[in-house]
């Protein structure tokens, strides 16, 4: 059984490891940021969003009931909300709430 002291040491080691990994890029690239890092900073957010969309829509099958209608409505809601407010966090939260309401209350 782990005692309180051991738990605190484990938490401290994990916190320091996390902080080192988070701060290391800023220390390494404090003077000159390489062009490939700047390129990745511009390209990766869009590719990550594309992967998330594919992942969210991968379970739509023709044999299932409602054939992806809740997913389509939620995707359209996210797009419209993001075009209106230009807030990524609000778009993600709104889309999640919209989808959950649709699958829990509307398309039961």
Protein backbone atom coordinates (compact mmCIF):
# COMPACT_ATOMS: atom_id res chain seq x y z
CA UNK A 1 0.00 0.00 0.00
CA UNK A 2 1.27 3.46 -0.90
CA UNK A 3 1.64 5.89 1.99
CA UNK A 4 0.92 9.62 1.89
CA UNK A 5 4.59 10.53 1.53
CA UNK A 6 5.04 8.24 -1.44
CA UNK A 7 1.92 9.63 -3.08
CA UNK A 8 3.21 13.18 -2.69
CA UNK A 9 6.58 12.22 -4.19
CA UNK A 10 4.86 10.53 -7.14
CA UNK A 11 2.65 13.57 -7.73
CA UNK A 12 5.65 15.91 -7.49
CA UNK A 13 7.68 13.86 -9.99
CA UNK A 14 4.74 13.81 -12.43
CA UNK A 15 4.23 17.57 -12.04
CA UNK A 16 7.91 18.34 -12.64
CA UNK A 17 8.00 16.00 -15.65
CA UNK A 18 4.92 17.64 -17.13
CA UNK A 19 6.31 21.13 -16.55
CA UNK A 20 9.66 20.23 -18.15
CA UNK A 21 7.92 18.83 -21.23
CA UNK A 22 5.66 21.89 -21.50
CA UNK A 23 8.44 24.48 -21.04
CA UNK A 24 11.16 22.73 -23.06
CA UNK A 25 10.04 24.03 -26.50
CA UNK A 26 10.03 27.61 -25.21
CA UNK A 27 13.54 27.19 -23.82
CA UNK A 28 14.87 25.51 -26.97
CA UNK A 29 13.30 27.97 -29.41
CA UNK A 30 13.53 31.17 -27.36
CA UNK A 31 15.80 32.98 -29.84
CA UNK A 32 15.03 31.66 -33.31
CA UNK A 33 12.08 29.46 -34.07
CA UNK A 34 12.87 27.08 -36.94
CA UNK A 35 10.76 27.47 -40.08
CA UNK A 36 9.49 23.88 -39.86
CA UNK A 37 8.10 24.56 -36.37
CA UNK A 38 6.30 27.66 -37.65
CA UNK A 39 4.96 25.63 -40.59
CA UNK A 40 3.68 22.90 -38.25
CA UNK A 41 2.06 25.55 -36.08
CA UNK A 42 0.08 26.75 -39.09
CA UNK A 43 -0.82 23.36 -40.59
CA UNK A 44 -1.42 21.03 -37.63
CA UNK A 45 -4.56 22.67 -36.17
CA UNK A 46 -6.45 22.18 -39.45
CA UNK A 47 -5.27 18.61 -39.88
CA UNK A 48 -6.19 17.77 -36.28
CA UNK A 49 -9.69 19.17 -36.78
CA UNK A 50 -10.02 17.12 -40.00
CA UNK A 51 -8.97 13.97 -38.14
CA UNK A 52 -11.50 14.70 -35.38
CA UNK A 53 -14.29 15.13 -37.94
CA UNK A 54 -13.40 11.82 -39.60
CA UNK A 55 -13.21 10.12 -36.20
CA UNK A 56 -16.60 11.50 -35.13
CA UNK A 57 -18.31 10.44 -38.35
CA UNK A 58 -16.68 7.01 -38.76
CA UNK A 59 -19.50 5.06 -37.06
CA UNK A 60 -22.25 6.13 -39.46
CA UNK A 61 -23.58 3.03 -41.23
CA UNK A 62 -26.45 2.69 -43.72
CA UNK A 63 -28.04 -0.07 -41.62
CA UNK A 64 -28.36 2.04 -38.48
CA UNK A 65 -31.49 3.91 -37.58
CA UNK A 66 -31.63 7.58 -38.65
CA UNK A 67 -28.50 7.06 -40.83
CA UNK A 68 -26.34 9.86 -39.45
CA UNK A 69 -29.01 12.54 -39.18
CA UNK A 70 -28.02 13.59 -35.61
CA UNK A 71 -24.37 13.75 -36.65
CA UNK A 72 -25.17 15.84 -39.71
CA UNK A 73 -27.32 18.26 -37.70
CA UNK A 74 -24.58 18.60 -35.06
CA UNK A 75 -21.90 19.22 -37.70
CA UNK A 76 -24.03 21.89 -39.36
CA UNK A 77 -24.71 23.45 -35.96
CA UNK A 78 -20.97 23.61 -35.22
CA UNK A 79 -20.21 25.19 -38.60
CA UNK A 80 -22.96 27.80 -38.25
CA UNK A 81 -22.07 28.58 -34.65
CA UNK A 82 -18.41 28.97 -35.51
CA UNK A 83 -19.17 31.21 -38.51
CA UNK A 84 -21.39 33.34 -36.29
CA UNK A 85 -19.24 33.68 -33.13
CA UNK A 86 -15.71 32.70 -34.29
CA UNK A 87 -15.09 30.99 -30.97
CA UNK A 88 -13.64 27.48 -31.15
CA UNK A 89 -14.43 26.54 -27.55
CA UNK A 90 -18.03 27.70 -27.91
CA UNK A 91 -18.36 25.77 -31.19
CA UNK A 92 -17.05 22.54 -29.64
CA UNK A 93 -19.22 22.89 -26.54
CA UNK A 94 -22.30 23.86 -28.56
CA UNK A 95 -21.83 20.98 -30.99
CA UNK A 96 -21.39 18.50 -28.17
CA UNK A 97 -24.52 19.72 -26.37
CA UNK A 98 -26.49 19.71 -29.63
CA UNK A 99 -25.45 16.15 -30.47
CA UNK A 100 -26.16 14.87 -26.95
CA UNK A 101 -29.63 16.43 -26.93
CA UNK A 102 -30.35 14.93 -30.34
CA UNK A 103 -29.28 11.38 -29.47
CA UNK A 104 -30.70 11.41 -25.92
CA UNK A 105 -34.02 13.16 -26.46
CA UNK A 106 -34.92 13.53 -30.13
CA UNK A 107 -33.58 10.45 -31.96
CA UNK A 108 -34.20 7.86 -29.26
